[in-house]
Each structure stands twice: as C-alpha cells, then as structure tokens.
Protein backbone atom coordinates (compact mmCIF):
# COMPACT_ATOMS: atom_id res chain seq x y z
CA MET A 1 -32.83 -12.57 -12.05
CA GLY A 2 -32.16 -11.55 -15.62
CA CYS A 3 -35.81 -11.50 -16.55
CA ILE A 4 -37.26 -8.34 -14.99
CA PHE A 5 -37.86 -5.34 -17.20
CA SER A 6 -38.78 -1.71 -16.77
CA SER A 7 -42.43 -0.79 -17.38
CA ASP A 8 -44.57 2.28 -17.94
CA ALA A 9 -47.29 3.52 -15.66
CA ILE A 10 -50.43 1.37 -15.55
CA ASP A 11 -53.22 2.46 -17.88
CA ASP A 12 -56.70 1.56 -16.69
CA GLY A 13 -58.47 2.57 -19.90
CA GLY A 14 -60.94 0.12 -21.43
CA ILE A 15 -60.56 -1.71 -24.71
CA VAL A 16 -63.17 -1.28 -27.43
CA GLU A 17 -64.05 -4.39 -29.43
CA VAL A 18 -65.56 -4.81 -32.88
CA SER A 19 -68.11 -7.32 -34.07
CA PHE A 20 -66.66 -8.85 -37.26
CA LEU A 21 -65.16 -12.30 -36.73
CA SER A 22 -63.23 -14.70 -38.91
CA GLY A 23 -60.89 -17.66 -38.33
CA GLU A 24 -59.64 -18.73 -34.90
CA VAL A 25 -55.97 -18.01 -34.24
CA TYR A 26 -54.03 -19.87 -31.57
CA VAL A 27 -50.83 -20.11 -33.63
CA PHE A 28 -50.38 -17.31 -36.15
CA VAL A 29 -49.67 -18.43 -39.72
CA PRO A 30 -48.74 -15.39 -41.86
CA GLY A 31 -49.48 -17.15 -45.15
CA LEU A 32 -48.39 -20.03 -47.34
CA ARG A 33 -46.19 -19.78 -50.41
CA GLU A 34 -47.41 -21.75 -53.41
CA PRO A 35 -45.38 -23.23 -56.29
CA THR A 36 -46.59 -22.60 -59.83
CA GLN A 37 -46.20 -24.88 -62.84
CA ASN A 38 -43.14 -25.14 -65.06
CA ASP A 39 -41.92 -27.81 -67.49
CA LEU A 40 -38.96 -29.44 -65.76
CA THR A 41 -38.91 -32.34 -68.24
CA GLU A 42 -38.10 -30.00 -71.09
CA LEU A 43 -35.70 -27.81 -69.12
CA LEU A 44 -33.68 -30.80 -67.80
CA LYS A 45 -33.43 -32.53 -71.19
CA GLY A 46 -29.80 -33.48 -71.79
CA SER A 47 -28.76 -32.70 -68.19
CA VAL A 48 -30.25 -35.68 -66.38
CA SER A 49 -31.87 -38.92 -67.48
CA ALA A 50 -35.38 -38.77 -68.87
CA GLY A 51 -36.56 -40.90 -65.93
CA MET A 52 -35.13 -38.49 -63.35
CA ALA A 53 -36.57 -35.47 -65.16
CA SER A 54 -39.98 -37.13 -65.32
CA LYS A 55 -39.87 -38.08 -61.64
CA LEU A 56 -38.92 -34.55 -60.60
CA GLN A 57 -41.72 -33.11 -62.75
CA SER A 58 -44.25 -35.56 -61.29
CA LEU A 59 -43.29 -34.85 -57.68
CA ARG A 60 -43.40 -31.08 -58.13
CA SER A 61 -46.74 -31.32 -59.91
CA GLN A 62 -48.13 -33.27 -56.94
CA VAL A 63 -47.04 -30.44 -54.62
CA ILE A 64 -48.70 -27.87 -56.91
CA ALA A 65 -51.94 -29.86 -57.07
CA ALA A 66 -52.06 -30.33 -53.27
CA SER A 67 -51.29 -26.66 -52.51
CA SER A 68 -53.61 -25.12 -55.10
CA GLY A 69 -56.11 -22.66 -53.63
CA ARG A 70 -54.89 -22.90 -50.03
CA ASN A 71 -54.26 -19.15 -49.84
CA GLU A 72 -57.65 -17.51 -49.92
CA PRO A 73 -58.28 -14.08 -48.34
CA GLY A 74 -57.95 -14.30 -44.59
CA LEU A 75 -56.34 -17.14 -42.71
CA LYS A 76 -57.43 -20.49 -44.10
CA LEU A 77 -56.52 -23.08 -41.51
CA LYS A 78 -57.17 -26.70 -42.43
CA ARG A 79 -57.25 -29.41 -39.84
CA SER A 80 -55.42 -32.67 -40.35
CA LYS A 81 -57.14 -35.91 -41.27
CA SER A 82 -56.52 -37.34 -37.83
CA GLN A 83 -58.72 -34.63 -36.29
CA ASP A 84 -61.66 -34.19 -38.63
CA GLY A 85 -61.13 -36.35 -41.69
CA ASP A 86 -59.83 -33.57 -43.96
CA PRO A 87 -56.83 -35.00 -45.85
CA GLY A 88 -55.85 -31.67 -47.48
CA GLY A 89 -53.04 -30.73 -45.12
CA LEU A 90 -51.66 -34.26 -45.01
CA ASP A 91 -51.72 -34.58 -48.81
CA LEU A 92 -49.59 -31.46 -49.19
CA GLU A 93 -47.19 -32.45 -46.42
CA ASN A 94 -46.73 -35.93 -47.89
CA ALA A 95 -46.19 -34.48 -51.37
CA LEU A 96 -43.51 -32.15 -50.00
CA LYS A 97 -41.80 -34.95 -48.06
CA ASN A 98 -41.73 -37.12 -51.19
CA TYR A 99 -40.26 -34.24 -53.20
CA LEU A 100 -37.67 -33.21 -50.61
CA PRO A 101 -35.15 -36.11 -50.84
CA VAL A 102 -35.11 -35.99 -54.66
CA LEU A 103 -34.53 -32.25 -54.53
CA LEU A 104 -31.74 -32.73 -51.98
CA GLY A 105 -30.06 -35.22 -54.30
CA LEU A 106 -30.31 -32.75 -57.14
CA VAL A 107 -28.47 -29.97 -55.31
CA THR A 108 -25.86 -32.21 -53.66
CA GLY A 109 -22.44 -31.13 -54.84
CA GLY A 110 -23.64 -27.80 -56.18
CA GLU A 111 -26.21 -26.56 -58.66
CA LYS A 112 -24.91 -28.20 -61.82
CA PHE A 113 -28.35 -29.31 -62.97
CA THR A 114 -30.54 -26.59 -61.50
CA THR A 115 -29.18 -23.20 -62.56
CA ALA A 116 -30.94 -23.46 -65.93
CA ILE A 117 -34.33 -24.05 -64.29
CA GLU A 118 -36.45 -21.26 -62.90
CA TYR A 119 -38.62 -22.36 -60.00
CA PRO A 120 -41.65 -20.04 -59.73
CA TRP A 121 -43.48 -19.49 -56.42
CA THR A 122 -46.18 -17.04 -55.41
CA ASN A 123 -45.39 -14.97 -52.33
CA VAL A 124 -48.15 -13.94 -49.97
CA GLU A 125 -46.14 -11.63 -47.74
CA ASP A 126 -43.86 -9.97 -50.29
CA GLU A 127 -44.69 -7.05 -52.56
CA ARG A 128 -43.43 -9.21 -55.41
CA LYS A 129 -46.35 -11.57 -55.74
CA GLU A 130 -44.31 -14.11 -57.69
CA THR A 131 -40.62 -14.92 -57.61
CA ALA A 132 -38.89 -17.29 -60.03
CA LEU A 133 -35.21 -18.00 -59.39
CA ALA A 134 -32.91 -20.40 -61.24
CA SER A 135 -31.57 -22.17 -58.18
CA GLY A 136 -32.14 -25.56 -56.59
CA TYR A 137 -31.38 -23.95 -53.24
CA TYR A 138 -34.24 -21.51 -53.75
CA GLU A 139 -36.56 -24.45 -54.40
CA LEU A 140 -35.21 -26.25 -51.34
CA LEU A 141 -35.71 -23.18 -49.12
CA SER A 142 -39.25 -22.83 -50.45
CA VAL A 143 -40.09 -26.45 -49.66
CA LEU A 144 -38.69 -26.24 -46.11
CA HIS A 145 -40.52 -22.96 -45.51
CA LEU A 146 -43.81 -24.48 -46.67
CA LEU A 147 -43.30 -27.55 -44.46
CA GLY A 148 -42.71 -25.26 -41.49
CA MET A 149 -45.81 -23.19 -42.20
CA LEU A 150 -47.92 -26.33 -42.59
CA ALA A 151 -46.68 -27.45 -39.17
CA LEU A 152 -47.77 -24.10 -37.70
CA GLN A 153 -51.18 -24.61 -39.29
CA GLU A 154 -51.36 -28.11 -37.84
CA ALA A 155 -50.47 -26.80 -34.37
CA ASN A 156 -53.19 -24.15 -34.64
CA ALA A 157 -55.73 -26.82 -35.62
CA CYS A 158 -54.56 -29.00 -32.74
CA LEU A 159 -55.15 -26.14 -30.27
CA THR A 160 -58.53 -25.15 -31.69
CA PRO A 161 -61.24 -26.62 -29.44
CA ARG A 162 -64.00 -28.51 -31.19
CA PRO A 163 -67.30 -29.72 -29.71
CA PRO A 164 -67.84 -33.45 -29.32
CA VAL A 165 -69.80 -35.10 -32.13
CA ASP A 166 -72.87 -35.60 -29.97
CA ALA A 167 -72.85 -32.08 -28.49
CA PHE A 168 -76.21 -30.48 -29.29
CA ASP A 169 -76.57 -28.38 -26.18
CA ILE A 170 -76.59 -24.60 -26.39
CA PRO A 171 -73.05 -23.24 -25.83
CA LYS A 172 -72.51 -21.25 -22.66
CA ALA A 173 -70.18 -18.32 -22.13
CA SER A 174 -67.04 -19.36 -20.28
CA GLU A 175 -63.43 -18.37 -19.85
CA GLY A 176 -60.78 -19.95 -22.01
CA MET A 177 -60.85 -18.07 -25.32
CA CYS A 178 -61.34 -14.35 -25.86
CA PHE A 179 -62.87 -12.83 -28.92
CA ALA A 180 -64.53 -9.65 -30.07
CA LEU A 181 -68.22 -9.45 -29.18
CA HIS A 182 -70.94 -7.22 -30.54
CA PRO A 183 -70.63 -3.70 -29.07
CA VAL A 184 -74.02 -4.03 -27.37
CA PHE A 185 -72.47 -6.60 -25.05
CA THR A 186 -69.11 -4.92 -24.48
CA PHE A 187 -70.06 -1.45 -23.23
CA GLY A 188 -66.59 -0.29 -24.27
CA ARG A 189 -64.87 -2.59 -21.83
CA TYR A 190 -62.64 -5.61 -22.30
CA ILE A 191 -64.62 -8.85 -22.08
CA SER A 192 -63.08 -12.29 -21.59
CA ALA A 193 -65.57 -14.88 -22.74
CA SER A 194 -66.39 -17.54 -25.30
CA LEU A 195 -69.64 -18.90 -26.63
CA THR A 196 -67.95 -21.82 -28.35
CA TRP A 197 -65.39 -23.08 -25.82
CA TYR A 198 -64.88 -26.77 -25.29
CA LYS A 199 -62.20 -28.22 -23.08
CA LEU A 200 -58.93 -28.95 -24.85
CA SER A 201 -57.26 -32.21 -23.82
CA ASP A 202 -53.72 -32.39 -22.47
CA GLU A 203 -52.94 -34.82 -25.29
CA ASN A 204 -53.79 -32.14 -27.86
CA LYS A 205 -51.54 -29.67 -26.06
CA ARG A 206 -48.65 -32.17 -25.98
CA ASN A 207 -49.16 -32.92 -29.65
CA ALA A 208 -49.11 -29.19 -30.37
CA ILE A 209 -45.76 -28.84 -28.57
CA GLU A 210 -44.25 -31.60 -30.72
CA ILE A 211 -45.67 -30.04 -33.89
CA LEU A 212 -44.33 -26.58 -32.97
CA LEU A 213 -40.88 -28.05 -32.35
CA LYS A 214 -41.14 -29.77 -35.75
CA ALA A 215 -41.95 -26.42 -37.35
CA ALA A 216 -38.94 -24.82 -35.64
CA SER A 217 -36.71 -27.64 -36.94
CA TYR A 218 -37.73 -26.96 -40.56
CA PHE A 219 -36.89 -23.26 -40.22
CA GLU A 220 -33.64 -24.09 -38.41
CA CYS A 221 -32.64 -26.49 -41.20
CA ALA A 222 -33.27 -23.80 -43.80
CA ILE A 223 -31.16 -21.30 -41.81
CA ASN A 224 -28.18 -23.52 -40.94
CA ALA A 225 -28.06 -26.11 -43.72
CA VAL A 226 -29.40 -24.42 -46.86
CA LEU A 227 -28.81 -20.67 -46.65
CA PRO A 228 -25.02 -21.00 -46.03
CA ASN A 229 -24.71 -22.97 -49.31
CA THR A 230 -26.95 -20.65 -51.31
CA PRO A 231 -25.00 -18.46 -53.78
CA ASP A 232 -24.84 -14.78 -52.80
CA GLU A 233 -26.50 -13.63 -56.02
CA ILE A 234 -29.49 -15.85 -55.20
CA LYS A 235 -29.64 -14.67 -51.57
CA ALA A 236 -29.88 -11.09 -52.79
CA LYS A 237 -32.98 -11.95 -54.82
CA LEU A 238 -34.80 -14.04 -52.22
CA PRO A 239 -38.35 -12.95 -51.33
CA VAL A 240 -38.67 -11.56 -47.83
CA ASP A 241 -40.27 -14.69 -46.39
CA LEU A 242 -37.15 -16.74 -47.21
CA THR A 243 -34.58 -14.32 -45.76
CA GLU A 244 -32.61 -15.36 -42.72
CA GLU A 245 -34.32 -12.74 -40.55
CA MET A 246 -37.82 -13.98 -41.38
CA LEU A 247 -36.92 -17.65 -41.04
CA ARG A 248 -35.29 -16.94 -37.68
CA SER A 249 -38.35 -14.99 -36.52
CA LEU A 250 -40.63 -17.89 -37.47
CA GLU A 251 -38.34 -20.35 -35.69
CA GLN A 252 -38.46 -18.26 -32.50
CA GLN A 253 -42.24 -17.90 -32.79
CA ALA A 254 -42.66 -21.67 -32.92
CA LEU A 255 -40.32 -22.13 -29.94
CA GLY A 256 -42.07 -19.36 -27.99
CA GLN A 257 -45.48 -20.96 -28.36
CA ALA A 258 -44.07 -24.36 -27.39
CA VAL A 259 -42.66 -22.83 -24.19
CA GLU A 260 -46.01 -21.10 -23.60
CA LEU A 261 -47.75 -24.48 -23.59
CA GLN A 262 -45.09 -25.91 -21.27
CA LEU A 263 -45.70 -23.02 -18.88
CA GLY A 264 -49.40 -23.84 -18.98
CA PHE A 265 -48.64 -27.41 -17.91
CA ALA A 266 -46.40 -26.11 -15.10
CA ILE A 267 -49.14 -23.79 -13.84
CA ASP A 268 -51.63 -26.67 -13.77
CA ASN A 269 -49.14 -28.86 -11.89
CA VAL A 270 -49.36 -28.28 -8.14
CA LYS A 271 -45.90 -29.83 -7.71
CA ALA A 272 -44.19 -27.34 -10.02
CA SER A 273 -42.28 -24.68 -8.07
CA LEU A 274 -42.55 -20.95 -8.61
CA ALA A 275 -38.92 -20.97 -9.71
CA VAL A 276 -39.71 -23.41 -12.53
CA LYS A 277 -42.67 -21.29 -13.63
CA ARG A 278 -40.57 -18.12 -13.55
CA ARG A 279 -37.80 -19.81 -15.55
CA LEU A 280 -40.25 -20.84 -18.27
CA ALA A 281 -41.80 -17.36 -18.31
CA CYS A 282 -38.36 -15.75 -18.63
CA GLU A 283 -37.46 -18.18 -21.42
CA GLN A 284 -40.62 -17.05 -23.21
CA VAL A 285 -39.57 -13.42 -22.93
CA GLU A 286 -36.13 -14.14 -24.39
CA VAL A 287 -37.55 -16.10 -27.34
CA TRP A 288 -40.27 -13.55 -28.19
CA GLU A 289 -37.78 -10.67 -27.97
CA GLN A 290 -35.60 -12.41 -30.55
CA ALA A 291 -38.67 -12.99 -32.72
CA ILE A 292 -39.71 -9.31 -32.70
CA GLU A 293 -36.11 -8.17 -33.29
CA LYS A 294 -35.77 -10.31 -36.42
CA LEU A 295 -39.27 -9.52 -37.64
CA ALA A 296 -38.75 -5.77 -37.29
CA SER A 297 -35.69 -5.94 -39.56
CA THR A 298 -37.67 -7.37 -42.50
CA THR A 299 -39.79 -5.57 -45.10
CA LYS A 300 -43.06 -7.27 -46.00
CA ALA A 301 -46.40 -6.35 -47.50
CA ALA A 302 -47.76 -3.76 -45.08
CA THR A 303 -51.02 -5.40 -43.98
CA MET A 304 -49.64 -8.82 -43.10
CA MET A 305 -46.45 -7.32 -41.67
CA ASN A 306 -48.40 -5.17 -39.20
CA LYS A 307 -50.63 -8.06 -38.17
CA HIS A 308 -47.64 -10.34 -37.69
CA ILE A 309 -45.84 -7.75 -35.56
CA LEU A 310 -48.94 -7.25 -33.40
CA PHE A 311 -49.14 -10.99 -32.77
CA VAL A 312 -45.52 -11.12 -31.57
CA LYS A 313 -45.98 -7.97 -29.47
CA TRP A 314 -49.05 -9.53 -27.86
CA LYS A 315 -47.13 -12.69 -26.98
CA LEU A 316 -44.08 -10.77 -25.75
CA ALA A 317 -46.16 -8.56 -23.44
CA GLU A 318 -48.01 -11.62 -22.12
CA ALA A 319 -44.69 -13.38 -21.45
CA LYS A 320 -43.37 -10.32 -19.58
CA ALA A 321 -46.54 -10.25 -17.49
CA ALA A 322 -45.94 -13.87 -16.53
CA ALA A 323 -42.25 -13.26 -15.70
CA TYR A 324 -43.07 -10.29 -13.46
CA TYR A 325 -45.97 -12.14 -11.85
CA PHE A 326 -43.97 -15.21 -10.79
CA HIS A 327 -40.98 -13.12 -9.76
CA GLY A 328 -43.30 -11.06 -7.57
CA LEU A 329 -44.69 -14.20 -5.93
CA ILE A 330 -41.17 -15.44 -5.20
CA LEU A 331 -40.19 -12.09 -3.69
CA ASN A 332 -43.31 -12.15 -1.54
CA GLU A 333 -42.04 -15.33 0.13
CA GLY A 334 -38.96 -13.51 1.42
CA TYR A 335 -38.55 -12.12 4.91
CA GLU A 336 -36.39 -9.08 4.20
CA ALA A 337 -37.83 -5.65 5.04
CA ASN A 338 -38.27 -4.49 1.45
CA THR A 339 -39.40 -7.74 -0.23
CA HIS A 340 -43.12 -6.99 0.07
CA ALA A 341 -42.69 -3.59 -1.60
CA GLU A 342 -40.59 -5.14 -4.38
CA SER A 343 -43.18 -7.88 -4.82
CA LEU A 344 -45.97 -5.33 -5.14
CA SER A 345 -43.92 -3.40 -7.69
CA CYS A 346 -43.50 -6.57 -9.77
CA LEU A 347 -47.22 -7.29 -9.61
CA LYS A 348 -47.98 -3.76 -10.77
CA ALA A 349 -45.55 -4.21 -13.65
CA ALA A 350 -47.20 -7.54 -14.49
CA ASN A 351 -50.56 -5.79 -14.56
CA ALA A 352 -49.21 -3.12 -16.91
CA HIS A 353 -47.83 -5.71 -19.33
CA LEU A 354 -51.06 -7.68 -19.10
CA LYS A 355 -53.02 -4.62 -20.20
CA GLU A 356 -50.49 -4.06 -22.96
CA SER A 357 -50.97 -7.63 -24.18
CA GLN A 358 -54.75 -7.23 -24.13
CA LYS A 359 -54.50 -4.09 -26.23
CA ALA A 360 -52.14 -5.74 -28.75
CA ARG A 361 -54.39 -8.79 -28.91
CA THR A 362 -57.45 -6.69 -29.66
CA GLU A 363 -55.63 -4.67 -32.32
CA PHE A 364 -54.39 -7.92 -33.83
CA SER A 365 -57.92 -9.31 -33.99
CA ASN A 366 -59.40 -6.16 -35.51
CA MET A 367 -56.77 -5.79 -38.24
CA GLU A 368 -57.47 -7.37 -41.62
CA PRO A 369 -57.73 -10.26 -42.16
CA PHE A 370 -60.13 -10.15 -39.17
CA THR A 371 -59.66 -13.01 -36.74
CA LYS A 372 -60.83 -14.42 -33.47
CA TYR A 373 -58.02 -14.56 -30.99
CA ALA A 374 -57.31 -17.28 -28.49
CA HIS A 375 -56.50 -16.58 -24.87
CA THR A 376 -54.04 -18.62 -22.86
CA SER A 377 -55.61 -19.96 -19.70
CA HIS A 378 -52.76 -18.79 -17.45
CA THR A 379 -53.39 -15.16 -18.46
CA HIS A 380 -56.77 -15.37 -16.72
CA LEU A 381 -54.91 -16.59 -13.63
CA PHE A 382 -52.57 -13.57 -13.73
CA ALA A 383 -55.48 -11.16 -14.08
CA HIS A 384 -57.43 -12.80 -11.24
CA GLN A 385 -54.46 -12.93 -8.87
CA LEU A 386 -53.42 -9.36 -9.68
CA VAL A 387 -56.88 -8.11 -8.72
CA ILE A 388 -56.65 -9.99 -5.43
CA SER A 389 -53.16 -8.61 -4.78
CA LYS A 390 -54.27 -5.02 -5.43
CA ARG A 391 -57.19 -5.41 -3.03
CA ARG A 392 -54.85 -6.59 -0.33
C-alpha cells in the first residue's frame, strides 16, 4: 500500500532509565534565536525619514526586551496567558507581529535601505553563537523563524497536562505520559507510567493542531517567499537554523505532530475505519522521513543536533509502528489463504518499530538537556494489542 517497510529482527531487551528529570516535551523546540541591540536610528540616518527610523528602532527594541533571557540552559517552555496567566510568550509574539509588516515594507523592492545595517542575532543551535548580517532578508527570516518556534512552544504548552486548580489529591500512577523513574522502581525494564497525569481535553488537542499548522506556515513562508529573494552571498552566510534544510525539517516536524494528533482522534472515534487510520499513519511516516532527511543534511552544535535527531527518529519509528499495525489489522480481515500470515508479519514489524521508538525516546530523554518525554496514547494501544496478538 505504499506504506509498509522492511524491519529488523525483534529485540526483546529491556530499556534502562535514569532518574534526572527536567522539562516536559510533547513538541520538541530545539531553541530560540534572540536578537541583540543595535542603533538603527543612527544607521538609517539619511536613508529613511527620522520617524520611520525611530519606529523601526522602537519595534525591534520591543522584540529584544520581550525575548531577553528566554534561552536558559535546558528547554524553557512558557505557557501562554490564556492557559496560566503568563503573558511572556504572547508579549514576544505580539512584538514580532507588530515588527513584521514594517520590516516587510522595508525590504519590498529590494534591500536599498537595509544593506548598510547589520542585524545581530544569537544562535542557539549553531557553532557561531552570534551572527550579524547586513540584510533585511536575514532579519525577516529570523523573525519568521522565531514566530514558528514560539508556535511550537505554544503547542507544547497546550499539550502539557495541568492539574485543576482545586486538585489537592495525591497523584496516582497512570498511563498517558512516560518518563524516566528512579532505578529502584524500574528494575532495568521499560516502565510506562506517570505520577502527574491529568486528562487532556479534546479542545486542547484541537488547539494544538491549529497551532502546529500555524508554525508550519511560518516556516513555509520563510522557505517559499523569503529565501528565493535572499541574495546568494547572504544565503552562504546564514546560520544553520535559517538554512532551507533546517526550515524544511521544522516545517515537516510541525506537520507530523499535527497528523499524529489527528490519528489520535481517529483512534478514539469508533466510526473511523481502519483504512482512514492507516492512511493517517502512512502520512505520518512520509512527513517524518522528510524531516529526518532534511535534518541529517544540516550541521549544528553537536549536543542539540543529536537530541533533535533522536526526537525525529523516535517519532518516525512510532509512525512506522502505527502504519504496520493498522495494515496488519486490515490484512487480518481478508479471507485469502496467506492473509493471516501476512498480518502476523506486519504485527511483528510493528512491534519491532515500537521497541525502536521506545529506545529512541529513552535516549532522547537521557541526553542533555535532560527532559521528561510524553507518550502518545495510541502507542499504548499498539503495545497492548500486539501482546494480545502474539498470545493468540
């Protein structure tokens, strides 16, 4: 069906966990870029009106003030004001949206007024910790990239369960999110549990889908509308997180996680057919394969690069497990002589990819910056059904 892949032999070895925990990760955000101060008023003197220069300086300064200190060690994920009253993320997003149309007007028709201005930004993922390029297109790419990353942060916050305000009861272990536990509880085996799990509403999931699609649109705009107009000499100097390969990888990551949530809705819907579920699972595989292909062709700072790759590998293996699983169920409904054997083969392949995803997820969690890792609910379903199928 165009979505079934070869797989290695199943490995039944256990997964060893570690005890150090940090931020919760449902949507991976590699790191934000931050603008640093420069005097646009002085640099633009004689090129544009004093009012325009002052406005541009004011808008950029607002972005700098709102983004200051948002990249601390680890993954600092702020929730939006609508969820817990923290206006930080919204302030930065609004500052960027106010700056964007003025910046677009400045680069319209070329870079007549911007080639004399160096726009400095700090780069979290690149070996060059700061890049300053004299190009309005570089500034525009940086703004779109930051808007996309903020949307990924917002989606992660939207998918992070929080207890109700009046919840004072002692949390109980339950399925829904997996994280590393103290070795005394793991006994060297993989454990699926959570001591802080609270039910996530369908509304939050739908909001997350919209936010992820918004993130993808920012990256897509940078790729198709800005990069083609960027001078070649500027493209050659771009930091790695603004290259076409990285922007495309981030776009596919956002789309992949949106499809993952859609698959979750399909699994919960008793009216959704196996064919629909398989189609969504296969779409996931295609998107995550494109993400890993683009990501592998970039060169980033080693630590964050490896963690980012592990996240995509985890999601790709999980998507393949889903594709094999639903294809196996469809084959099992057939009446031909060999359909049962083919179905069992698919379920075994699904099990192998599920174990692969569990291993990648654990490695992702244990790599600095240490993180908790979320677990999609449908993966528990695959694991449960695969055990039942093997017993049969």
